[in-house]
Amino acid sequence: MQEKNIKYPTIYVKNFAKIKEAEIELSPFTLFVGDNNSGKTYLSTLIYGLIKYTSKIIYDIFEYTDEIKNSEEYKKVINLINDIIDKNEEVDLTLENKEDFIKLFNLLLNSYSSKVTNYIF
């Protein structure tokens, strides 16, 4: 049997709390290990907040400016959403589709990072 290459969502953090830069793949079990006062709790809280409040963050914080609406990430996702709405049925997203959503969300997080962190913390 061929082993599937599973790719989990990845969060990229830069200049967050005491973390200069990190790339974290969020598998079903993710463990943070490090010295005391190194940023593990802040990072865990950020990830928890993003998971728990994603829809609220999208509706309450992100301003869909022309810069966002003109981005390739937004165009790919909005076209996919419109296709799903037109079909009016459940759709299985491909890995590429999921990555497009993640790219858009990362673009939004990067553009509105201070608003998001203020909202979560």
N, C-alpha and C. Protein backbone atom coordinates (compact mmCIF):
# COMPACT_ATOMS: atom_id res chain seq x y z
N MET A 1 0.84 -1.18 0.00
CA MET A 1 0.00 0.00 0.00
C MET A 1 0.89 1.25 0.00
N GLN A 2 0.53 2.21 -0.85
CA GLN A 2 1.32 3.43 -0.96
C GLN A 2 0.95 4.38 0.18
N GLU A 3 1.95 4.97 0.81
CA GLU A 3 1.74 5.90 1.90
C GLU A 3 1.32 7.26 1.34
N LYS A 4 0.26 7.84 1.92
CA LYS A 4 -0.20 9.15 1.47
C LYS A 4 0.71 10.23 2.03
N ASN A 5 0.96 11.24 1.22
CA ASN A 5 1.74 12.38 1.67
C ASN A 5 0.78 13.41 2.24
N ILE A 6 0.56 13.35 3.54
CA ILE A 6 -0.39 14.25 4.19
C ILE A 6 0.31 15.56 4.51
N LYS A 7 -0.33 16.64 4.13
CA LYS A 7 0.21 17.96 4.45
C LYS A 7 -0.77 18.65 5.38
N TYR A 8 -0.27 19.01 6.54
CA TYR A 8 -1.09 19.69 7.52
C TYR A 8 -0.96 21.19 7.34
N PRO A 9 -1.96 21.95 7.83
CA PRO A 9 -1.85 23.41 7.76
C PRO A 9 -0.58 23.87 8.48
N THR A 10 0.02 24.90 7.94
CA THR A 10 1.26 25.42 8.51
C THR A 10 1.06 26.89 8.86
N ILE A 11 1.51 27.25 10.03
CA ILE A 11 1.45 28.65 10.45
C ILE A 11 2.87 29.20 10.47
N TYR A 12 3.03 30.40 9.94
CA TYR A 12 4.33 31.07 9.93
C TYR A 12 4.24 32.25 10.87
N VAL A 13 5.20 32.37 11.75
CA VAL A 13 5.20 33.45 12.73
C VAL A 13 6.53 34.18 12.63
N LYS A 14 6.45 35.50 12.66
CA LYS A 14 7.67 36.30 12.61
C LYS A 14 7.53 37.45 13.59
N ASN A 15 8.56 37.63 14.43
CA ASN A 15 8.58 38.70 15.43
C ASN A 15 7.31 38.69 16.30
N PHE A 16 7.00 37.53 16.82
CA PHE A 16 5.83 37.37 17.68
C PHE A 16 6.31 36.98 19.07
N ALA A 17 6.01 37.82 20.06
CA ALA A 17 6.48 37.61 21.43
C ALA A 17 8.00 37.44 21.37
N LYS A 18 8.51 36.36 21.93
CA LYS A 18 9.96 36.14 21.93
C LYS A 18 10.41 35.30 20.74
N ILE A 19 9.50 34.98 19.86
CA ILE A 19 9.82 34.14 18.70
C ILE A 19 10.23 35.03 17.53
N LYS A 20 11.47 34.90 17.10
CA LYS A 20 11.94 35.71 15.97
C LYS A 20 11.31 35.25 14.67
N GLU A 21 11.28 33.92 14.47
CA GLU A 21 10.69 33.37 13.26
C GLU A 21 10.45 31.88 13.47
N ALA A 22 9.27 31.42 13.03
CA ALA A 22 8.96 29.99 13.18
C ALA A 22 7.99 29.57 12.10
N GLU A 23 8.09 28.31 11.73
CA GLU A 23 7.16 27.67 10.80
C GLU A 23 6.68 26.41 11.51
N ILE A 24 5.37 26.34 11.80
CA ILE A 24 4.83 25.24 12.57
C ILE A 24 3.79 24.51 11.76
N GLU A 25 4.01 23.23 11.53
CA GLU A 25 3.02 22.38 10.85
C GLU A 25 2.08 21.85 11.94
N LEU A 26 0.79 22.15 11.79
CA LEU A 26 -0.19 21.82 12.82
C LEU A 26 -0.81 20.46 12.57
N SER A 27 -0.13 19.43 13.01
CA SER A 27 -0.66 18.07 12.91
C SER A 27 -1.67 17.85 14.03
N PRO A 28 -2.38 16.72 14.03
CA PRO A 28 -3.36 16.49 15.09
C PRO A 28 -2.75 16.52 16.50
N PHE A 29 -1.47 16.25 16.62
CA PHE A 29 -0.80 16.34 17.91
C PHE A 29 0.47 17.15 17.70
N THR A 30 0.47 18.38 18.21
CA THR A 30 1.63 19.25 18.10
C THR A 30 2.11 19.58 19.49
N LEU A 31 3.38 19.41 19.74
CA LEU A 31 3.96 19.61 21.05
C LEU A 31 5.02 20.71 20.97
N PHE A 32 4.92 21.69 21.87
CA PHE A 32 5.92 22.74 21.94
C PHE A 32 6.83 22.47 23.13
N VAL A 33 8.12 22.43 22.87
CA VAL A 33 9.11 22.18 23.90
C VAL A 33 10.14 23.29 23.84
N GLY A 34 10.51 23.81 25.00
CA GLY A 34 11.53 24.85 25.03
C GLY A 34 11.73 25.38 26.43
N ASP A 35 12.65 26.29 26.54
CA ASP A 35 12.95 26.90 27.83
C ASP A 35 11.76 27.69 28.36
N ASN A 36 11.77 27.92 29.66
CA ASN A 36 10.76 28.79 30.26
C ASN A 36 10.87 30.17 29.63
N ASN A 37 9.72 30.82 29.48
CA ASN A 37 9.66 32.19 28.98
C ASN A 37 10.24 32.32 27.56
N SER A 38 9.98 31.30 26.72
CA SER A 38 10.49 31.34 25.35
C SER A 38 9.40 31.62 24.31
N GLY A 39 8.13 31.73 24.75
CA GLY A 39 7.05 32.07 23.82
C GLY A 39 6.10 30.93 23.52
N LYS A 40 6.26 29.79 24.17
CA LYS A 40 5.41 28.62 23.89
C LYS A 40 3.94 28.92 24.18
N THR A 41 3.66 29.55 25.32
CA THR A 41 2.27 29.82 25.70
C THR A 41 1.63 30.85 24.76
N TYR A 42 2.38 31.90 24.41
CA TYR A 42 1.85 32.89 23.46
C TYR A 42 1.52 32.23 22.12
N LEU A 43 2.42 31.39 21.65
CA LEU A 43 2.20 30.72 20.38
C LEU A 43 0.99 29.79 20.46
N SER A 44 0.87 29.04 21.54
CA SER A 44 -0.29 28.15 21.73
C SER A 44 -1.58 28.95 21.77
N THR A 45 -1.57 30.08 22.45
CA THR A 45 -2.76 30.92 22.54
C THR A 45 -3.12 31.49 21.17
N LEU A 46 -2.11 31.90 20.42
CA LEU A 46 -2.35 32.41 19.06
C LEU A 46 -3.02 31.35 18.20
N ILE A 47 -2.48 30.14 18.20
CA ILE A 47 -3.04 29.06 17.39
C ILE A 47 -4.46 28.73 17.83
N TYR A 48 -4.67 28.63 19.14
CA TYR A 48 -6.02 28.37 19.67
C TYR A 48 -6.99 29.47 19.23
N GLY A 49 -6.57 30.73 19.36
CA GLY A 49 -7.43 31.84 18.96
C GLY A 49 -7.76 31.83 17.48
N LEU A 50 -6.77 31.51 16.66
CA LEU A 50 -7.01 31.45 15.21
C LEU A 50 -8.01 30.35 14.88
N ILE A 51 -7.88 29.21 15.53
CA ILE A 51 -8.79 28.10 15.27
C ILE A 51 -10.19 28.43 15.78
N LYS A 52 -10.28 28.92 17.00
CA LYS A 52 -11.58 29.17 17.62
C LYS A 52 -12.31 30.37 17.01
N TYR A 53 -11.58 31.41 16.67
CA TYR A 53 -12.22 32.66 16.25
C TYR A 53 -12.07 32.98 14.76
N THR A 54 -11.71 32.01 13.94
CA THR A 54 -11.48 32.30 12.52
C THR A 54 -12.65 33.02 11.87
N SER A 55 -13.85 32.50 12.02
CA SER A 55 -14.99 33.15 11.34
C SER A 55 -15.25 34.54 11.90
N LYS A 56 -15.12 34.72 13.21
CA LYS A 56 -15.31 36.05 13.80
C LYS A 56 -14.22 37.01 13.33
N ILE A 57 -13.00 36.50 13.23
CA ILE A 57 -11.90 37.35 12.75
C ILE A 57 -12.18 37.79 11.33
N ILE A 58 -12.62 36.86 10.50
CA ILE A 58 -12.89 37.20 9.10
C ILE A 58 -13.97 38.28 8.99
N TYR A 59 -15.05 38.13 9.75
CA TYR A 59 -16.16 39.08 9.63
C TYR A 59 -15.95 40.36 10.41
N ASP A 60 -15.24 40.31 11.52
CA ASP A 60 -15.10 41.49 12.38
C ASP A 60 -13.86 42.31 12.10
N ILE A 61 -12.81 41.70 11.57
CA ILE A 61 -11.53 42.40 11.49
C ILE A 61 -11.09 42.70 10.07
N PHE A 62 -11.13 41.70 9.20
CA PHE A 62 -10.56 41.90 7.87
C PHE A 62 -11.39 42.87 7.05
N GLU A 63 -10.71 43.86 6.53
CA GLU A 63 -11.34 44.81 5.63
C GLU A 63 -10.90 44.42 4.22
N TYR A 64 -11.85 44.07 3.41
CA TYR A 64 -11.48 43.61 2.07
C TYR A 64 -11.21 44.82 1.18
N THR A 65 -9.99 45.33 1.29
CA THR A 65 -9.58 46.49 0.52
C THR A 65 -9.36 46.08 -0.93
N ASP A 66 -9.18 47.07 -1.77
CA ASP A 66 -8.91 46.79 -3.18
C ASP A 66 -7.62 45.99 -3.33
N GLU A 67 -6.65 46.26 -2.46
CA GLU A 67 -5.39 45.51 -2.51
C GLU A 67 -5.64 44.02 -2.29
N ILE A 68 -6.49 43.69 -1.31
CA ILE A 68 -6.83 42.29 -1.04
C ILE A 68 -7.65 41.72 -2.20
N LYS A 69 -8.67 42.45 -2.63
CA LYS A 69 -9.56 41.95 -3.69
C LYS A 69 -8.83 41.75 -5.01
N ASN A 70 -7.77 42.49 -5.23
CA ASN A 70 -7.01 42.36 -6.47
C ASN A 70 -5.89 41.33 -6.39
N SER A 71 -5.71 40.73 -5.22
CA SER A 71 -4.64 39.74 -5.06
C SER A 71 -5.02 38.43 -5.75
N GLU A 72 -4.01 37.71 -6.19
CA GLU A 72 -4.24 36.40 -6.83
C GLU A 72 -4.89 35.43 -5.85
N GLU A 73 -4.49 35.52 -4.58
CA GLU A 73 -5.03 34.62 -3.56
C GLU A 73 -6.55 34.80 -3.43
N TYR A 74 -6.99 36.04 -3.39
CA TYR A 74 -8.42 36.33 -3.25
C TYR A 74 -9.18 35.87 -4.49
N LYS A 75 -8.64 36.15 -5.67
CA LYS A 75 -9.32 35.79 -6.92
C LYS A 75 -9.52 34.28 -7.03
N LYS A 76 -8.49 33.50 -6.65
CA LYS A 76 -8.62 32.05 -6.71
C LYS A 76 -9.71 31.55 -5.77
N VAL A 77 -9.71 32.07 -4.55
CA VAL A 77 -10.65 31.60 -3.54
C VAL A 77 -12.07 32.05 -3.87
N ILE A 78 -12.26 33.28 -4.30
CA ILE A 78 -13.61 33.77 -4.59
C ILE A 78 -14.20 33.03 -5.78
N ASN A 79 -13.37 32.69 -6.76
CA ASN A 79 -13.86 31.90 -7.89
C ASN A 79 -14.29 30.50 -7.44
N LEU A 80 -13.51 29.91 -6.56
CA LEU A 80 -13.85 28.60 -6.03
C LEU A 80 -15.15 28.66 -5.22
N ILE A 81 -15.28 29.67 -4.39
CA ILE A 81 -16.51 29.83 -3.59
C ILE A 81 -17.72 30.01 -4.49
N ASN A 82 -17.59 30.82 -5.52
CA ASN A 82 -18.70 31.02 -6.45
C ASN A 82 -19.08 29.73 -7.18
N ASP A 83 -18.08 28.93 -7.55
CA ASP A 83 -18.36 27.64 -8.18
C ASP A 83 -19.12 26.72 -7.23
N ILE A 84 -18.71 26.70 -5.97
CA ILE A 84 -19.38 25.86 -4.97
C ILE A 84 -20.82 26.32 -4.77
N ILE A 85 -21.03 27.62 -4.70
CA ILE A 85 -22.38 28.17 -4.52
C ILE A 85 -23.25 27.82 -5.72
N ASP A 86 -22.68 27.96 -6.93
CA ASP A 86 -23.44 27.65 -8.14
C ASP A 86 -23.87 26.18 -8.19
N LYS A 87 -23.00 25.28 -7.74
CA LYS A 87 -23.32 23.85 -7.76
C LYS A 87 -24.32 23.48 -6.68
N ASN A 88 -24.35 24.26 -5.61
CA ASN A 88 -25.28 24.04 -4.50
C ASN A 88 -25.24 22.60 -3.99
N GLU A 89 -24.03 22.09 -3.84
CA GLU A 89 -23.85 20.74 -3.32
C GLU A 89 -22.51 20.67 -2.58
N GLU A 90 -22.35 19.64 -1.80
CA GLU A 90 -21.11 19.46 -1.07
C GLU A 90 -19.98 19.19 -2.05
N VAL A 91 -18.84 19.81 -1.80
CA VAL A 91 -17.70 19.68 -2.70
C VAL A 91 -16.48 19.27 -1.90
N ASP A 92 -15.74 18.29 -2.41
CA ASP A 92 -14.47 17.92 -1.80
C ASP A 92 -13.39 18.83 -2.36
N LEU A 93 -12.69 19.54 -1.48
CA LEU A 93 -11.64 20.43 -1.93
C LEU A 93 -10.36 19.63 -2.17
N THR A 94 -9.68 19.99 -3.22
CA THR A 94 -8.39 19.37 -3.50
C THR A 94 -7.34 19.98 -2.57
N LEU A 95 -6.19 19.36 -2.49
CA LEU A 95 -5.10 19.91 -1.69
C LEU A 95 -4.74 21.30 -2.19
N GLU A 96 -4.76 21.49 -3.50
CA GLU A 96 -4.46 22.81 -4.08
C GLU A 96 -5.49 23.85 -3.64
N ASN A 97 -6.78 23.46 -3.62
CA ASN A 97 -7.84 24.38 -3.16
C ASN A 97 -7.62 24.78 -1.70
N LYS A 98 -7.29 23.79 -0.88
CA LYS A 98 -7.05 24.07 0.54
C LYS A 98 -5.85 25.01 0.70
N GLU A 99 -4.83 24.78 -0.09
CA GLU A 99 -3.65 25.64 -0.02
C GLU A 99 -3.99 27.06 -0.46
N ASP A 100 -4.90 27.22 -1.42
CA ASP A 100 -5.33 28.56 -1.84
C ASP A 100 -6.02 29.30 -0.69
N PHE A 101 -6.88 28.59 0.04
CA PHE A 101 -7.54 29.20 1.20
C PHE A 101 -6.51 29.59 2.25
N ILE A 102 -5.55 28.73 2.49
CA ILE A 102 -4.51 29.01 3.48
C ILE A 102 -3.68 30.22 3.06
N LYS A 103 -3.34 30.32 1.77
CA LYS A 103 -2.57 31.46 1.27
C LYS A 103 -3.34 32.76 1.47
N LEU A 104 -4.65 32.75 1.19
CA LEU A 104 -5.45 33.96 1.39
C LEU A 104 -5.51 34.32 2.86
N PHE A 105 -5.74 33.32 3.71
CA PHE A 105 -5.82 33.59 5.14
C PHE A 105 -4.49 34.14 5.65
N ASN A 106 -3.38 33.59 5.17
CA ASN A 106 -2.07 34.10 5.58
C ASN A 106 -1.85 35.53 5.08
N LEU A 107 -2.31 35.84 3.88
CA LEU A 107 -2.22 37.20 3.36
C LEU A 107 -3.00 38.15 4.27
N LEU A 108 -4.22 37.74 4.64
CA LEU A 108 -5.03 38.58 5.52
C LEU A 108 -4.39 38.72 6.90
N LEU A 109 -3.87 37.62 7.43
CA LEU A 109 -3.22 37.69 8.74
C LEU A 109 -2.01 38.62 8.69
N ASN A 110 -1.26 38.55 7.61
CA ASN A 110 -0.09 39.42 7.48
C ASN A 110 -0.51 40.89 7.38
N SER A 111 -1.56 41.15 6.65
CA SER A 111 -2.02 42.53 6.46
C SER A 111 -2.63 43.12 7.73
N TYR A 112 -3.26 42.27 8.54
CA TYR A 112 -3.98 42.75 9.72
C TYR A 112 -3.47 42.10 11.00
N SER A 113 -2.17 41.83 11.06
CA SER A 113 -1.61 41.09 12.20
C SER A 113 -1.86 41.77 13.53
N SER A 114 -1.72 43.08 13.61
CA SER A 114 -1.91 43.75 14.90
C SER A 114 -3.37 43.69 15.34
N LYS A 115 -4.30 43.82 14.41
CA LYS A 115 -5.73 43.72 14.76
C LYS A 115 -6.07 42.31 15.25
N VAL A 116 -5.51 41.31 14.58
CA VAL A 116 -5.80 39.92 14.95
C VAL A 116 -5.25 39.61 16.33
N THR A 117 -4.01 39.99 16.58
CA THR A 117 -3.43 39.70 17.91
C THR A 117 -4.15 40.47 19.00
N ASN A 118 -4.57 41.69 18.75
CA ASN A 118 -5.35 42.45 19.74
C ASN A 118 -6.69 41.76 20.01
N TYR A 119 -7.27 41.20 18.98
CA TYR A 119 -8.56 40.52 19.12
C TYR A 119 -8.41 39.24 19.95
N ILE A 120 -7.37 38.48 19.71
CA ILE A 120 -7.16 37.21 20.40
C ILE A 120 -6.66 37.42 21.83
N PHE A 121 -5.75 38.38 21.99
CA PHE A 121 -5.15 38.58 23.30
C PHE A 121 -5.83 39.73 24.02
